[in-house]
């Protein structure tokens, strides 16, 4: 997976599109931390500068045909670091069923997709 700690942006989009095959059950959780440029974790008292995102009903399996998107923003000069603590998605050719896609929005960026996960 690409190291995303070097990106500094006003907006990072995490697109999660889940299309479970019939009978497939899995779940996902991802924890998100915003970091200063030297990639040190911010102190806990900082408001809304760290947090967690998880699929609905976690740790239970997520519902069929679920599509979720979380938009994350940090002030200019800060970075977002994504740390996946649990990722369980179905393996499929070309990400046909389940996938996790992380996108970044920068001015003048031709390809905003940073990484796409189809299986672990």
N, C-alpha and C. Protein backbone atom coordinates (compact mmCIF):
# COMPACT_ATOMS: atom_id res chain seq x y z
N UNK A 1 0.84 -1.16 0.00
CA UNK A 1 0.00 0.00 0.00
C UNK A 1 0.89 1.23 0.00
N UNK A 2 0.51 2.25 -0.74
CA UNK A 2 1.28 3.48 -0.85
C UNK A 2 1.28 4.22 0.47
N UNK A 3 2.44 4.81 0.83
CA UNK A 3 2.54 5.62 2.03
C UNK A 3 1.83 6.94 1.77
N UNK A 4 0.74 7.19 2.49
CA UNK A 4 -0.05 8.38 2.25
C UNK A 4 0.31 9.49 3.22
N UNK A 5 1.35 9.31 4.04
CA UNK A 5 1.68 10.31 5.04
C UNK A 5 2.33 11.54 4.43
N UNK A 6 2.79 11.47 3.17
CA UNK A 6 3.43 12.62 2.56
C UNK A 6 2.43 13.57 1.90
N UNK A 7 1.16 13.24 1.88
CA UNK A 7 0.15 14.09 1.25
C UNK A 7 -0.37 15.10 2.25
N UNK A 8 -0.38 16.34 1.84
CA UNK A 8 -0.96 17.42 2.64
C UNK A 8 -2.07 18.03 1.80
N UNK A 9 -3.28 18.01 2.29
CA UNK A 9 -4.41 18.40 1.46
C UNK A 9 -5.52 18.99 2.30
N UNK A 10 -6.38 19.74 1.65
CA UNK A 10 -7.54 20.27 2.35
C UNK A 10 -8.67 19.26 2.41
N UNK A 11 -8.61 18.24 1.57
CA UNK A 11 -9.70 17.27 1.55
C UNK A 11 -9.20 15.93 1.06
N UNK A 12 -9.50 14.89 1.78
CA UNK A 12 -9.21 13.52 1.35
C UNK A 12 -10.51 12.76 1.40
N UNK A 13 -10.80 12.01 0.35
CA UNK A 13 -12.05 11.26 0.28
C UNK A 13 -11.74 9.78 0.41
N UNK A 14 -12.46 9.11 1.26
CA UNK A 14 -12.38 7.66 1.37
C UNK A 14 -13.68 7.10 0.83
N UNK A 15 -13.62 6.48 -0.32
CA UNK A 15 -14.80 5.90 -0.94
C UNK A 15 -14.81 4.41 -0.64
N UNK A 16 -15.85 3.93 -0.05
CA UNK A 16 -15.98 2.51 0.22
C UNK A 16 -17.21 2.01 -0.51
N UNK A 17 -17.00 1.15 -1.47
CA UNK A 17 -18.13 0.58 -2.20
C UNK A 17 -18.10 -0.92 -1.98
N UNK A 18 -19.10 -1.45 -1.35
CA UNK A 18 -19.16 -2.86 -1.03
C UNK A 18 -20.28 -3.51 -1.82
N UNK A 19 -19.98 -4.58 -2.53
CA UNK A 19 -20.98 -5.33 -3.27
C UNK A 19 -20.76 -6.80 -2.95
N UNK A 20 -21.18 -7.27 -1.78
CA UNK A 20 -20.91 -8.65 -1.39
C UNK A 20 -21.57 -9.65 -2.33
N UNK A 21 -20.85 -10.70 -2.66
CA UNK A 21 -21.44 -11.80 -3.44
C UNK A 21 -22.46 -12.50 -2.56
N UNK A 22 -23.36 -13.20 -3.16
CA UNK A 22 -24.41 -13.86 -2.40
C UNK A 22 -23.79 -14.81 -1.37
N UNK A 23 -24.17 -14.65 -0.14
CA UNK A 23 -23.67 -15.51 0.92
C UNK A 23 -22.35 -15.05 1.52
N UNK A 24 -21.68 -14.07 0.96
CA UNK A 24 -20.39 -13.60 1.47
C UNK A 24 -20.64 -12.67 2.65
N UNK A 25 -19.90 -12.87 3.73
CA UNK A 25 -20.01 -11.96 4.87
C UNK A 25 -18.62 -11.53 5.28
N UNK A 26 -18.46 -10.27 5.51
CA UNK A 26 -17.21 -9.73 6.02
C UNK A 26 -17.48 -8.36 6.60
N UNK A 27 -16.47 -7.76 7.19
CA UNK A 27 -16.65 -6.45 7.77
C UNK A 27 -15.35 -5.68 7.67
N UNK A 28 -15.44 -4.40 7.88
CA UNK A 28 -14.26 -3.54 7.74
C UNK A 28 -14.28 -2.48 8.83
N UNK A 29 -13.11 -2.13 9.28
CA UNK A 29 -12.96 -0.98 10.15
C UNK A 29 -11.67 -0.29 9.76
N UNK A 30 -11.67 1.02 9.74
CA UNK A 30 -10.43 1.71 9.50
C UNK A 30 -10.36 2.89 10.44
N UNK A 31 -9.18 3.11 11.00
CA UNK A 31 -8.95 4.21 11.91
C UNK A 31 -8.16 5.27 11.18
N UNK A 32 -8.51 6.52 11.40
CA UNK A 32 -7.91 7.63 10.68
C UNK A 32 -7.27 8.58 11.68
N UNK A 33 -6.05 8.97 11.41
CA UNK A 33 -5.36 9.94 12.25
C UNK A 33 -4.83 11.07 11.39
N UNK A 34 -5.09 12.30 11.77
CA UNK A 34 -4.47 13.45 11.13
C UNK A 34 -3.15 13.70 11.84
N UNK A 35 -2.12 14.01 11.08
CA UNK A 35 -0.79 14.19 11.64
C UNK A 35 -0.22 15.53 11.21
N UNK A 36 0.71 16.06 12.00
CA UNK A 36 1.45 17.23 11.56
C UNK A 36 2.47 16.77 10.52
N UNK A 37 3.11 17.71 9.86
CA UNK A 37 3.99 17.38 8.74
C UNK A 37 5.07 16.37 9.09
N UNK A 38 5.58 16.38 10.32
CA UNK A 38 6.60 15.42 10.72
C UNK A 38 5.99 14.06 11.08
N UNK A 39 4.70 13.92 10.86
CA UNK A 39 3.98 12.66 11.10
C UNK A 39 3.94 12.25 12.56
N UNK A 40 3.92 13.20 13.45
CA UNK A 40 3.69 12.91 14.86
C UNK A 40 2.20 12.99 15.11
N UNK A 41 1.69 12.12 15.94
CA UNK A 41 0.27 12.16 16.27
C UNK A 41 -0.02 13.40 17.09
N UNK A 42 -1.10 14.06 16.78
CA UNK A 42 -1.48 15.25 17.51
C UNK A 42 -1.92 14.89 18.92
N UNK A 43 -1.73 15.80 19.88
CA UNK A 43 -2.18 15.52 21.25
C UNK A 43 -3.69 15.29 21.29
N UNK A 44 -4.13 14.46 22.19
CA UNK A 44 -5.55 14.14 22.31
C UNK A 44 -6.46 15.35 22.50
N UNK A 45 -6.05 16.43 23.22
CA UNK A 45 -6.96 17.55 23.40
C UNK A 45 -7.33 18.29 22.11
N UNK A 46 -6.60 18.12 21.03
CA UNK A 46 -6.93 18.79 19.78
C UNK A 46 -8.29 18.32 19.30
N UNK A 47 -9.25 19.23 19.08
CA UNK A 47 -10.59 18.81 18.67
C UNK A 47 -10.64 18.31 17.23
N UNK A 48 -11.28 17.17 17.04
CA UNK A 48 -11.57 16.60 15.73
C UNK A 48 -10.36 16.40 14.84
N UNK A 49 -9.18 16.22 15.41
CA UNK A 49 -7.98 16.00 14.60
C UNK A 49 -7.58 14.54 14.58
N UNK A 50 -8.40 13.67 15.12
CA UNK A 50 -8.19 12.23 15.00
C UNK A 50 -9.55 11.58 15.16
N UNK A 51 -9.67 10.37 14.71
CA UNK A 51 -10.95 9.70 14.85
C UNK A 51 -10.95 8.34 14.21
N UNK A 52 -12.09 7.71 14.20
CA UNK A 52 -12.24 6.37 13.65
C UNK A 52 -13.45 6.33 12.73
N UNK A 53 -13.36 5.51 11.71
CA UNK A 53 -14.46 5.26 10.79
C UNK A 53 -14.61 3.75 10.70
N UNK A 54 -15.83 3.29 10.70
CA UNK A 54 -16.04 1.84 10.56
C UNK A 54 -17.31 1.59 9.79
N UNK A 55 -17.42 0.39 9.25
CA UNK A 55 -18.61 0.03 8.49
C UNK A 55 -19.81 -0.07 9.43
N UNK A 56 -21.01 0.12 8.89
CA UNK A 56 -22.21 -0.02 9.71
C UNK A 56 -22.28 -1.42 10.34
N UNK A 57 -22.73 -1.48 11.56
CA UNK A 57 -22.93 -2.72 12.31
C UNK A 57 -21.64 -3.43 12.70
N UNK A 58 -20.45 -2.81 12.49
CA UNK A 58 -19.21 -3.46 12.87
C UNK A 58 -19.25 -3.80 14.35
N UNK A 59 -18.85 -4.96 14.79
CA UNK A 59 -18.08 -5.98 14.08
C UNK A 59 -18.93 -7.00 13.32
N UNK A 60 -20.23 -6.78 13.26
CA UNK A 60 -21.08 -7.67 12.46
C UNK A 60 -20.82 -7.40 10.97
N UNK A 61 -21.18 -8.35 10.10
CA UNK A 61 -21.00 -8.13 8.66
C UNK A 61 -21.80 -6.92 8.18
N UNK A 62 -21.25 -6.22 7.22
CA UNK A 62 -21.97 -5.08 6.67
C UNK A 62 -23.08 -5.57 5.74
N UNK A 63 -24.12 -4.75 5.56
CA UNK A 63 -25.27 -5.17 4.75
C UNK A 63 -24.92 -5.30 3.27
N UNK A 64 -25.67 -6.11 2.52
CA UNK A 64 -25.43 -6.25 1.08
C UNK A 64 -25.63 -4.93 0.34
N UNK A 65 -24.90 -4.77 -0.75
CA UNK A 65 -25.02 -3.61 -1.65
C UNK A 65 -24.78 -2.28 -0.95
N UNK A 66 -23.93 -2.28 0.05
CA UNK A 66 -23.63 -1.06 0.80
C UNK A 66 -22.63 -0.21 0.03
N UNK A 67 -22.88 1.07 -0.05
CA UNK A 67 -21.92 2.02 -0.60
C UNK A 67 -21.79 3.16 0.41
N UNK A 68 -20.58 3.38 0.87
CA UNK A 68 -20.32 4.41 1.88
C UNK A 68 -19.21 5.32 1.40
N UNK A 69 -19.26 6.58 1.82
CA UNK A 69 -18.18 7.52 1.54
C UNK A 69 -17.99 8.39 2.76
N UNK A 70 -16.74 8.56 3.18
CA UNK A 70 -16.40 9.46 4.27
C UNK A 70 -15.47 10.52 3.71
N UNK A 71 -15.79 11.79 3.92
CA UNK A 71 -14.95 12.90 3.49
C UNK A 71 -14.19 13.42 4.70
N UNK A 72 -12.88 13.49 4.59
CA UNK A 72 -12.02 13.91 5.69
C UNK A 72 -11.28 15.17 5.27
N UNK A 73 -11.15 16.12 6.17
CA UNK A 73 -10.44 17.36 5.87
C UNK A 73 -9.51 17.71 7.02
N UNK A 74 -8.39 18.33 6.69
CA UNK A 74 -7.47 18.84 7.69
C UNK A 74 -7.05 20.24 7.25
N UNK A 75 -6.63 21.08 8.20
CA UNK A 75 -6.17 22.42 7.83
C UNK A 75 -4.93 22.34 6.95
N UNK A 76 -4.70 23.39 6.18
CA UNK A 76 -3.51 23.45 5.34
C UNK A 76 -2.26 23.29 6.20
N UNK A 77 -1.30 22.54 5.69
CA UNK A 77 -0.07 22.27 6.43
C UNK A 77 -0.12 20.99 7.24
N UNK A 78 -1.28 20.36 7.33
CA UNK A 78 -1.44 19.10 8.04
C UNK A 78 -1.57 17.97 7.03
N UNK A 79 -1.43 16.74 7.51
CA UNK A 79 -1.55 15.55 6.68
C UNK A 79 -2.56 14.61 7.30
N UNK A 80 -3.04 13.71 6.50
CA UNK A 80 -3.91 12.65 7.00
C UNK A 80 -3.17 11.33 6.87
N UNK A 81 -3.12 10.59 7.95
CA UNK A 81 -2.52 9.26 7.94
C UNK A 81 -3.65 8.26 8.16
N UNK A 82 -3.75 7.28 7.27
CA UNK A 82 -4.75 6.23 7.39
C UNK A 82 -4.09 4.99 7.96
N UNK A 83 -4.65 4.43 9.00
CA UNK A 83 -4.16 3.20 9.60
C UNK A 83 -5.30 2.20 9.62
N UNK A 84 -5.15 1.12 8.87
CA UNK A 84 -6.18 0.09 8.82
C UNK A 84 -5.88 -0.93 9.91
N UNK A 85 -6.78 -1.06 10.88
CA UNK A 85 -6.57 -2.03 11.95
C UNK A 85 -7.28 -3.34 11.66
N UNK A 86 -8.28 -3.32 10.81
CA UNK A 86 -8.98 -4.55 10.41
C UNK A 86 -9.59 -4.29 9.04
N UNK A 87 -9.26 -5.16 8.09
CA UNK A 87 -9.80 -5.02 6.74
C UNK A 87 -10.07 -6.42 6.22
N UNK A 88 -11.33 -6.73 6.00
CA UNK A 88 -11.73 -8.06 5.56
C UNK A 88 -12.70 -7.90 4.40
N UNK A 89 -12.19 -7.99 3.18
CA UNK A 89 -13.03 -7.84 2.00
C UNK A 89 -12.78 -9.00 1.04
N UNK A 90 -13.78 -9.28 0.22
CA UNK A 90 -13.73 -10.42 -0.69
C UNK A 90 -12.73 -10.17 -1.81
N UNK A 91 -11.96 -11.19 -2.12
CA UNK A 91 -11.04 -11.13 -3.25
C UNK A 91 -11.82 -11.33 -4.54
N UNK A 92 -11.59 -10.46 -5.52
CA UNK A 92 -12.25 -10.60 -6.81
C UNK A 92 -11.41 -9.92 -7.88
N UNK A 93 -11.42 -10.49 -9.07
CA UNK A 93 -10.68 -9.92 -10.19
C UNK A 93 -11.23 -8.53 -10.51
N UNK A 94 -10.34 -7.57 -10.64
CA UNK A 94 -10.75 -6.22 -11.00
C UNK A 94 -11.63 -5.53 -9.98
N UNK A 95 -11.58 -5.96 -8.74
CA UNK A 95 -12.41 -5.39 -7.67
C UNK A 95 -13.89 -5.45 -8.02
N UNK A 96 -14.32 -6.56 -8.61
CA UNK A 96 -15.70 -6.69 -9.08
C UNK A 96 -16.71 -6.64 -7.93
N UNK A 97 -16.39 -7.25 -6.79
CA UNK A 97 -17.32 -7.26 -5.66
C UNK A 97 -16.98 -6.17 -4.66
N UNK A 98 -16.22 -6.48 -3.64
CA UNK A 98 -15.94 -5.51 -2.58
C UNK A 98 -14.66 -4.74 -2.89
N UNK A 99 -14.62 -3.49 -2.47
CA UNK A 99 -13.39 -2.72 -2.63
C UNK A 99 -13.39 -1.55 -1.66
N UNK A 100 -12.20 -1.08 -1.35
CA UNK A 100 -11.99 0.12 -0.57
C UNK A 100 -11.10 1.01 -1.42
N UNK A 101 -11.53 2.22 -1.70
CA UNK A 101 -10.76 3.14 -2.52
C UNK A 101 -10.51 4.41 -1.73
N UNK A 102 -9.27 4.86 -1.69
CA UNK A 102 -8.91 6.12 -1.04
C UNK A 102 -8.55 7.10 -2.14
N UNK A 103 -9.19 8.25 -2.11
CA UNK A 103 -8.94 9.29 -3.11
C UNK A 103 -8.55 10.57 -2.39
N UNK A 104 -7.75 11.39 -3.05
CA UNK A 104 -7.37 12.70 -2.52
C UNK A 104 -7.78 13.77 -3.53
N UNK A 105 -8.19 14.90 -3.02
CA UNK A 105 -8.57 16.01 -3.88
C UNK A 105 -7.55 17.13 -3.73
N UNK A 106 -6.79 17.35 -4.78
CA UNK A 106 -5.82 18.44 -4.84
C UNK A 106 -6.12 19.26 -6.08
N UNK A 107 -5.77 20.53 -6.07
CA UNK A 107 -5.87 21.30 -7.30
C UNK A 107 -4.86 20.75 -8.30
N UNK A 108 -5.24 20.68 -9.55
CA UNK A 108 -4.38 20.25 -10.65
C UNK A 108 -3.91 18.81 -10.51
N UNK A 109 -4.67 17.96 -9.84
CA UNK A 109 -4.29 16.56 -9.71
C UNK A 109 -5.06 15.76 -10.76
N UNK A 110 -4.32 15.10 -11.66
CA UNK A 110 -4.97 14.40 -12.77
C UNK A 110 -5.60 13.08 -12.35
N UNK A 111 -5.01 12.36 -11.40
CA UNK A 111 -5.56 11.07 -10.96
C UNK A 111 -5.69 11.08 -9.45
N UNK A 112 -6.91 11.33 -8.93
CA UNK A 112 -7.07 11.45 -7.48
C UNK A 112 -7.03 10.12 -6.72
N UNK A 113 -7.05 8.96 -7.43
CA UNK A 113 -7.05 7.68 -6.72
C UNK A 113 -5.65 7.40 -6.19
N UNK A 114 -5.52 7.24 -4.88
CA UNK A 114 -4.24 6.92 -4.25
C UNK A 114 -4.04 5.42 -4.15
N UNK A 115 -5.09 4.71 -3.74
CA UNK A 115 -4.98 3.26 -3.55
C UNK A 115 -6.38 2.65 -3.64
N UNK A 116 -6.43 1.42 -4.15
CA UNK A 116 -7.68 0.65 -4.16
C UNK A 116 -7.36 -0.74 -3.65
N UNK A 117 -8.10 -1.19 -2.64
CA UNK A 117 -7.90 -2.51 -2.05
C UNK A 117 -9.07 -3.41 -2.44
N UNK A 118 -8.74 -4.59 -2.96
CA UNK A 118 -9.78 -5.55 -3.33
C UNK A 118 -9.76 -6.76 -2.42
N UNK A 119 -8.64 -7.05 -1.80
CA UNK A 119 -8.53 -8.18 -0.88
C UNK A 119 -7.26 -8.01 -0.07
N UNK A 120 -7.16 -8.81 0.97
CA UNK A 120 -5.98 -8.75 1.83
C UNK A 120 -5.25 -10.06 1.72
